[in-house]
Amino acid sequence: MPPDSAAPASGATSKGGNGSLVTVVIAFGANLLVALAKTVASLMTGSASMVAEAAHSWADTGNEVFLLIAERRGGKQRDAVHPLGYGRETYIWSMFAAFGLFTAGAIVSIYHGITELGSDEPPRDLLVGYIVLGVSALLEGSSFLQAYRQAHGAATKRRVPVLRHVLQSSNPTLRAVFAEDAAALIGLFLAFLGLFLHQVTGSAIWDALGSIAVGVLLGVVAIILIDRNRRFLLGESTSPELEDAVLAEILGKPEVSRVTYLHLEFVGPSRVYLVAAIDMQGNEAEDAVAVRLRAVEDQLEASEYIEEAVLTLSQPGDASLVPRGDGEVPEVIKDGTLEDVSSDGAGTLRT
């Protein structure tokens, strides 16, 4: 969309699909049911590990609300007030979700586990705890499967491992749901060990250690999520491989003679802001060149992954940029993060 075109209504959906929204909705429903079940089980068993798991699930449920807001607000197209769109709101609300996972999940679990280290309370109603853990594993597994399918599809297109795609993707909601569900499944195993060892040994210290282990797990996940969102909000520089891919795309336009400056920046999930200085073919009058320049911008912005392209004319003495890689020329910028592209070259950007 050219800079002076009419902006869409602020409530319009953004470019791209709604796969992340479906993933978040499924995760919210699963986490809510699991949180209720774990709360009942923690009251019946008195298990520190079950209390930690209940806190974990309630934190996850609350976090999904933040992620739903992130998808809704970050999905609006740009307008006069926000010329680069609302994509960065996705990172802001995802950051809130990560902080919630740390404070409501990790801190509560670790604190409760420490307070229960000296407990000598015998185990009770452990069968209820085992049943709830089993049902929770099924529900959490279904949510994780949805997140994995979405991540696997994108990772396959870009020829990178699934975990690498999740950690380095520009899609924070997918990363948050994937990480939270994976942590939930690991947490269920830790809680099971705490209950089982408590039952076998008769010592409640194992149950308390299970609670602490769940809290540490949540803390590690929260720190990873916070750091990834921080990086995208900060606007870290792109990789040479990504720049090469986009440079090759621009030079592939018949109207473009050379490129002397290129700047790329993520402004939301799978959405890039592009600024470049180019030299046009021929030697036409200024008004004719301006029309052709705008036409090239329109061609670049036809990609659903380029939020805005701003092109200016190069100075005669400026040095030309030349692609350093030999990968395929990409058609679009498909959720390509810096590390993903550098792992396999420019060809990983093709869909």
Protein backbone atom coordinates (compact mmCIF):
# COMPACT_ATOMS: atom_id res chain seq x y z
CA MET A 1 0.00 0.00 0.00
CA PRO A 2 1.53 3.35 -0.98
CA PRO A 3 2.10 5.83 1.86
CA ASP A 4 -0.62 8.18 0.61
CA SER A 5 -3.24 5.51 -0.04
CA ALA A 6 -6.39 5.38 2.03
CA ALA A 7 -5.77 3.38 5.18
CA PRO A 8 -8.14 0.53 6.10
CA ALA A 9 -10.39 0.72 9.09
CA SER A 10 -8.58 0.29 12.37
CA GLY A 11 -10.50 -2.84 13.18
CA ALA A 12 -9.57 -4.62 9.98
CA THR A 13 -7.58 -7.76 10.18
CA SER A 14 -3.98 -7.75 9.14
CA LYS A 15 -2.22 -9.55 6.37
CA GLY A 16 -1.80 -13.25 6.98
CA GLY A 17 -3.85 -16.09 8.37
CA ASN A 18 -5.40 -16.87 11.74
CA GLY A 19 -3.44 -20.02 12.61
CA SER A 20 -1.95 -18.44 15.73
CA LEU A 21 -5.40 -17.32 16.94
CA VAL A 22 -6.76 -20.87 16.68
CA THR A 23 -3.70 -22.14 18.54
CA VAL A 24 -4.25 -19.64 21.37
CA VAL A 25 -7.98 -20.39 21.67
CA ILE A 26 -7.34 -24.14 21.92
CA ALA A 27 -4.62 -23.55 24.51
CA PHE A 28 -6.94 -21.31 26.56
CA GLY A 29 -9.69 -23.94 26.71
CA ALA A 30 -7.28 -26.72 27.61
CA ASN A 31 -5.54 -24.66 30.30
CA LEU A 32 -8.83 -23.60 31.90
CA LEU A 33 -10.07 -27.19 32.26
CA VAL A 34 -6.69 -28.35 33.52
CA ALA A 35 -6.45 -25.50 36.06
CA LEU A 36 -9.85 -26.38 37.55
CA ALA A 37 -8.97 -30.08 37.77
CA LYS A 38 -5.57 -29.43 39.35
CA THR A 39 -7.05 -27.06 41.91
CA VAL A 40 -9.51 -29.71 43.08
CA ALA A 41 -6.75 -32.33 43.17
CA SER A 42 -4.42 -30.07 45.16
CA LEU A 43 -7.12 -29.52 47.79
CA MET A 44 -7.85 -33.23 48.05
CA THR A 45 -4.25 -34.46 48.12
CA GLY A 46 -2.53 -31.58 49.88
CA SER A 47 0.38 -32.16 47.48
CA ALA A 48 2.86 -29.33 47.03
CA SER A 49 3.53 -30.53 43.48
CA MET A 50 -0.19 -30.36 42.68
CA VAL A 51 -0.40 -26.85 44.13
CA ALA A 52 2.50 -25.84 41.88
CA GLU A 53 0.79 -27.43 38.89
CA ALA A 54 -2.47 -25.63 39.71
CA ALA A 55 -0.63 -22.30 39.92
CA HIS A 56 1.10 -23.14 36.66
CA SER A 57 -2.17 -23.83 34.84
CA TRP A 58 -3.93 -20.74 36.22
CA ALA A 59 -0.94 -18.66 35.10
CA ASP A 60 -1.12 -20.23 31.65
CA THR A 61 -4.85 -19.57 31.46
CA GLY A 62 -4.35 -15.91 32.31
CA ASN A 63 -1.50 -15.69 29.85
CA GLU A 64 -3.71 -16.94 27.03
CA VAL A 65 -5.92 -13.90 27.63
CA PHE A 66 -2.90 -11.66 27.05
CA LEU A 67 -2.06 -13.64 23.92
CA LEU A 68 -5.61 -13.30 22.62
CA ILE A 69 -5.34 -9.54 23.13
CA ALA A 70 -1.97 -9.63 21.37
CA GLU A 71 -3.47 -11.38 18.34
CA ARG A 72 -6.42 -9.00 18.24
CA ARG A 73 -4.58 -5.70 18.71
CA GLY A 74 -1.45 -6.67 16.80
CA GLY A 75 -3.53 -7.86 13.85
CA LYS A 76 -4.91 -4.43 12.94
CA GLN A 77 -3.59 -2.83 9.79
CA ARG A 78 -1.75 0.46 9.85
CA ASP A 79 -3.53 3.78 9.91
CA ALA A 80 -2.66 7.47 10.10
CA VAL A 81 -1.82 7.20 13.80
CA HIS A 82 0.38 4.10 13.42
CA PRO A 83 1.88 4.22 9.91
CA LEU A 84 3.86 1.00 10.47
CA GLY A 85 0.89 -0.90 11.82
CA TYR A 86 0.18 -2.42 15.22
CA GLY A 87 2.35 -5.50 14.88
CA ARG A 88 4.66 -4.59 17.74
CA GLU A 89 1.69 -4.68 20.13
CA THR A 90 1.91 -8.44 19.74
CA TYR A 91 5.35 -8.38 21.37
CA ILE A 92 4.18 -6.04 24.13
CA TRP A 93 1.23 -8.21 25.20
CA SER A 94 3.31 -11.36 24.80
CA MET A 95 5.81 -9.76 27.16
CA PHE A 96 3.03 -9.29 29.72
CA ALA A 97 2.15 -12.96 29.32
CA ALA A 98 5.76 -13.98 29.94
CA PHE A 99 5.93 -11.84 33.08
CA GLY A 100 2.70 -13.45 34.27
CA LEU A 101 4.15 -16.91 33.77
CA PHE A 102 7.12 -15.91 35.91
CA THR A 103 5.30 -14.14 38.74
CA ALA A 104 2.11 -16.21 39.06
CA GLY A 105 3.68 -19.51 38.09
CA ALA A 106 7.35 -19.69 38.95
CA ILE A 107 7.43 -17.61 42.13
CA VAL A 108 4.34 -19.22 43.67
CA SER A 109 5.58 -22.74 42.88
CA ILE A 110 9.08 -22.18 44.24
CA TYR A 111 7.85 -20.39 47.37
CA HIS A 112 5.27 -23.05 48.17
CA GLY A 113 7.82 -25.81 47.61
CA ILE A 114 10.32 -24.19 49.98
CA THR A 115 7.68 -23.80 52.71
CA GLU A 116 6.77 -27.50 52.37
CA LEU A 117 10.34 -28.82 52.64
CA GLY A 118 9.96 -29.51 56.36
CA SER A 119 6.48 -31.01 56.10
CA ASP A 120 5.88 -34.53 57.44
CA GLU A 121 2.27 -34.82 56.23
CA PRO A 122 1.53 -38.31 54.86
CA PRO A 123 0.22 -38.64 51.31
CA ARG A 124 -3.56 -38.88 50.85
CA ASP A 125 -5.95 -39.39 47.93
CA LEU A 126 -3.01 -39.85 45.60
CA LEU A 127 -5.18 -41.75 43.12
CA VAL A 128 -7.08 -38.51 42.49
CA GLY A 129 -3.80 -36.75 41.83
CA TYR A 130 -2.66 -39.41 39.38
CA ILE A 131 -5.97 -39.30 37.50
CA VAL A 132 -5.89 -35.52 37.23
CA LEU A 133 -2.30 -35.60 36.02
CA GLY A 134 -3.23 -38.15 33.37
CA VAL A 135 -6.26 -36.20 32.14
CA SER A 136 -4.21 -33.01 32.20
CA ALA A 137 -1.56 -34.67 30.05
CA LEU A 138 -4.21 -35.49 27.44
CA LEU A 139 -5.60 -31.94 27.40
CA GLU A 140 -2.20 -30.27 27.42
CA GLY A 141 -1.04 -32.71 24.76
CA SER A 142 -3.91 -31.75 22.45
CA SER A 143 -3.03 -28.07 22.80
CA PHE A 144 0.67 -28.78 22.26
CA LEU A 145 -0.17 -30.85 19.18
CA GLN A 146 -1.96 -27.88 17.61
CA ALA A 147 1.01 -25.60 18.31
CA TYR A 148 3.42 -28.21 17.00
CA ARG A 149 1.46 -28.65 13.77
CA GLN A 150 1.52 -24.92 13.10
CA ALA A 151 5.24 -24.69 13.90
CA HIS A 152 6.09 -27.82 11.92
CA GLY A 153 4.32 -26.52 8.83
CA ALA A 154 6.22 -23.23 8.84
CA ALA A 155 9.53 -24.88 9.74
CA THR A 156 9.17 -27.38 6.89
CA LYS A 157 8.58 -24.62 4.36
CA ARG A 158 11.69 -22.83 5.56
CA ARG A 159 13.74 -26.01 5.98
CA VAL A 160 14.73 -25.51 9.60
CA PRO A 161 14.18 -27.66 12.74
CA VAL A 162 10.89 -27.08 14.54
CA LEU A 163 12.48 -25.98 17.82
CA ARG A 164 14.75 -23.54 16.01
CA HIS A 165 11.77 -22.06 14.20
CA VAL A 166 9.83 -21.65 17.45
CA LEU A 167 12.68 -20.00 19.36
CA GLN A 168 13.64 -17.60 16.57
CA SER A 169 10.30 -17.00 14.86
CA SER A 170 8.92 -13.48 14.66
CA ASN A 171 5.55 -14.91 15.81
CA PRO A 172 5.49 -14.45 19.62
CA THR A 173 2.08 -16.05 20.23
CA LEU A 174 3.10 -19.29 18.57
CA ARG A 175 6.33 -19.29 20.57
CA ALA A 176 4.50 -18.58 23.84
CA VAL A 177 1.87 -21.30 23.39
CA PHE A 178 4.44 -23.84 22.21
CA ALA A 179 6.77 -23.09 25.12
CA GLU A 180 4.00 -23.03 27.74
CA ASP A 181 2.48 -26.31 26.56
CA ALA A 182 5.87 -28.01 26.35
CA ALA A 183 6.67 -26.76 29.86
CA ALA A 184 3.25 -27.97 31.04
CA LEU A 185 3.94 -31.52 29.83
CA ILE A 186 7.37 -31.53 31.49
CA GLY A 187 5.83 -30.05 34.65
CA LEU A 188 3.24 -32.84 34.76
CA PHE A 189 6.04 -35.39 34.68
CA LEU A 190 7.88 -33.60 37.50
CA ALA A 191 4.68 -33.46 39.57
CA PHE A 192 4.10 -37.18 38.96
CA LEU A 193 7.61 -37.94 40.19
CA GLY A 194 7.02 -35.83 43.29
CA LEU A 195 3.78 -37.64 44.10
CA PHE A 196 5.20 -41.07 43.33
CA LEU A 197 8.37 -40.63 45.39
CA HIS A 198 6.30 -39.19 48.23
CA GLN A 199 4.12 -42.29 48.14
CA VAL A 200 7.03 -44.74 47.90
CA THR A 201 9.34 -43.16 50.49
CA GLY A 202 6.75 -41.55 52.75
CA SER A 203 8.88 -38.39 52.73
CA ALA A 204 7.13 -35.16 51.73
CA ILE A 205 10.44 -33.61 50.72
CA TRP A 206 10.12 -35.20 47.27
CA ASP A 207 6.75 -33.56 46.79
CA ALA A 208 8.21 -30.20 47.83
CA LEU A 209 11.16 -30.66 45.49
CA GLY A 210 8.70 -31.40 42.70
CA SER A 211 7.01 -28.06 43.34
CA ILE A 212 10.36 -26.25 43.29
CA ALA A 213 11.38 -28.02 40.08
CA VAL A 214 8.15 -26.94 38.38
CA GLY A 215 8.79 -23.36 39.47
CA VAL A 216 12.36 -23.37 38.15
CA LEU A 217 11.10 -24.77 34.84
CA LEU A 218 8.53 -21.98 34.52
CA GLY A 219 11.13 -19.37 35.40
CA VAL A 220 13.49 -20.57 32.66
CA VAL A 221 10.69 -20.57 30.07
CA ALA A 222 9.55 -17.09 31.14
CA ILE A 223 13.07 -15.65 30.86
CA ILE A 224 13.47 -17.11 27.36
CA LEU A 225 10.14 -15.65 26.23
CA ILE A 226 10.88 -12.25 27.77
CA ASP A 227 14.28 -12.12 26.07
CA ARG A 228 12.89 -13.00 22.64
CA ASN A 229 10.14 -10.34 22.86
CA ARG A 230 12.68 -7.80 24.13
CA ARG A 231 14.87 -8.40 21.10
CA PHE A 232 12.05 -7.79 18.62
CA LEU A 233 10.86 -4.69 20.48
CA LEU A 234 14.41 -3.35 20.57
CA GLY A 235 14.72 -3.79 16.79
CA GLU A 236 17.92 -5.80 16.48
CA SER A 237 19.67 -5.64 13.12
CA THR A 238 18.97 -8.19 10.43
CA SER A 239 21.44 -10.75 9.18
CA PRO A 240 23.53 -10.35 6.02
CA GLU A 241 21.71 -13.36 4.56
CA LEU A 242 18.30 -11.75 4.98
CA GLU A 243 19.57 -8.49 3.50
CA ASP A 244 21.06 -10.41 0.56
CA ALA A 245 17.74 -12.13 -0.10
CA VAL A 246 15.74 -8.90 -0.13
CA LEU A 247 18.47 -7.12 -2.10
CA ALA A 248 18.24 -9.81 -4.75
CA GLU A 249 14.47 -9.39 -4.80
CA ILE A 250 14.75 -5.64 -5.41
CA LEU A 251 17.45 -6.02 -8.05
CA GLY A 252 15.22 -8.53 -9.80
CA LYS A 253 12.81 -5.72 -10.69
CA PRO A 254 13.44 -4.63 -14.31
CA GLU A 255 13.04 -0.97 -13.36
CA VAL A 256 15.91 -1.09 -10.83
CA SER A 257 19.51 -0.57 -11.95
CA ARG A 258 21.24 -0.76 -8.56
CA VAL A 259 20.71 -0.48 -4.81
CA THR A 260 22.97 1.64 -2.61
CA TYR A 261 21.22 1.44 0.78
CA LEU A 262 19.00 -1.17 2.45
CA HIS A 263 17.39 -1.27 5.88
CA LEU A 264 15.09 -4.06 7.16
CA GLU A 265 13.22 -4.23 10.45
CA PHE A 266 10.49 -6.47 11.84
CA VAL A 267 7.42 -4.44 12.80
CA GLY A 268 5.31 -7.46 13.75
CA PRO A 269 4.97 -11.19 13.19
CA SER A 270 6.11 -11.92 9.63
CA ARG A 271 5.88 -8.22 8.76
CA VAL A 272 8.87 -6.18 7.67
CA TYR A 273 9.53 -2.48 7.16
CA LEU A 274 11.85 -1.90 4.20
CA VAL A 275 13.83 1.24 3.35
CA ALA A 276 16.14 1.36 0.35
CA ALA A 277 17.95 3.80 -1.93
CA ILE A 278 17.91 2.70 -5.57
CA ASP A 279 18.95 3.89 -9.00
CA MET A 280 16.32 3.49 -11.71
CA GLN A 281 16.99 2.32 -15.26
CA GLY A 282 17.09 5.09 -17.87
CA ASN A 283 17.39 8.84 -17.47
CA GLU A 284 13.86 10.22 -17.34
CA ALA A 285 12.50 13.44 -15.92
CA GLU A 286 12.00 13.70 -12.17
CA ASP A 287 8.22 13.41 -12.25
CA ALA A 288 8.36 10.26 -14.41
CA VAL A 289 10.97 8.71 -12.10
CA ALA A 290 8.75 9.42 -9.09
CA VAL A 291 5.89 7.50 -10.70
CA ARG A 292 8.15 4.52 -11.49
CA LEU A 293 9.58 4.61 -7.97
CA ARG A 294 6.11 4.41 -6.50
CA ALA A 295 5.31 1.51 -8.83
CA VAL A 296 8.28 -0.47 -7.48
CA GLU A 297 7.11 0.24 -3.92
CA ASP A 298 3.68 -1.10 -4.82
CA GLN A 299 5.21 -4.27 -6.24
CA LEU A 300 7.20 -4.89 -3.06
CA GLU A 301 4.22 -4.15 -0.82
CA ALA A 302 2.11 -6.62 -2.79
CA SER A 303 3.79 -9.21 -0.59
CA GLU A 304 1.69 -9.81 2.51
CA TYR A 305 4.89 -9.87 4.55
CA ILE A 306 6.14 -6.36 3.70
CA GLU A 307 4.24 -3.81 5.78
CA GLU A 308 5.74 -0.83 4.00
CA ALA A 309 8.47 -0.21 1.45
CA VAL A 310 10.05 3.26 1.25
CA LEU A 311 12.35 3.85 -1.72
CA THR A 312 14.48 6.89 -2.45
CA LEU A 313 16.89 7.69 -5.29
CA SER A 314 20.59 6.98 -4.88
CA GLN A 315 23.24 9.63 -5.04
CA PRO A 316 25.47 9.33 -8.13
CA GLY A 317 28.60 8.63 -6.12
CA ASP A 318 27.11 6.06 -3.73
CA ALA A 319 28.57 2.56 -3.83
CA SER A 320 26.33 -0.21 -5.13
CA LEU A 321 25.23 -3.10 -2.91
CA VAL A 322 25.79 -6.56 -4.32
CA PRO A 323 24.23 -9.77 -2.93
CA ARG A 324 26.89 -11.91 -1.29
CA GLY A 325 24.89 -15.14 -1.20
CA ASP A 326 23.98 -17.46 -4.04
CA GLY A 327 20.64 -18.72 -2.73
CA GLU A 328 17.34 -18.49 -4.54
CA VAL A 329 15.69 -15.10 -4.88
CA PRO A 330 12.84 -15.06 -2.35
CA GLU A 331 9.30 -14.24 -3.38
CA VAL A 332 8.20 -13.18 0.10
CA ILE A 333 9.59 -12.68 3.57
CA LYS A 334 7.95 -15.59 5.35
CA ASP A 335 8.34 -15.21 9.11
CA GLY A 336 12.09 -15.20 8.53
CA THR A 337 14.14 -14.39 11.59
CA LEU A 338 17.79 -13.55 11.42
CA GLU A 339 19.18 -16.85 12.61
CA ASP A 340 16.78 -18.93 10.52
CA VAL A 341 17.87 -17.28 7.31
CA SER A 342 21.56 -17.41 8.12
CA SER A 343 21.36 -21.14 8.76
CA ASP A 344 20.39 -22.07 5.20
CA GLY A 345 20.87 -18.96 3.09
CA ALA A 346 18.45 -16.81 1.17
CA GLY A 347 16.57 -19.78 -0.21
CA THR A 348 14.90 -20.35 3.16
CA LEU A 349 12.76 -17.28 2.53
CA ARG A 350 10.92 -18.81 -0.41
CA THR A 351 7.43 -20.22 0.24
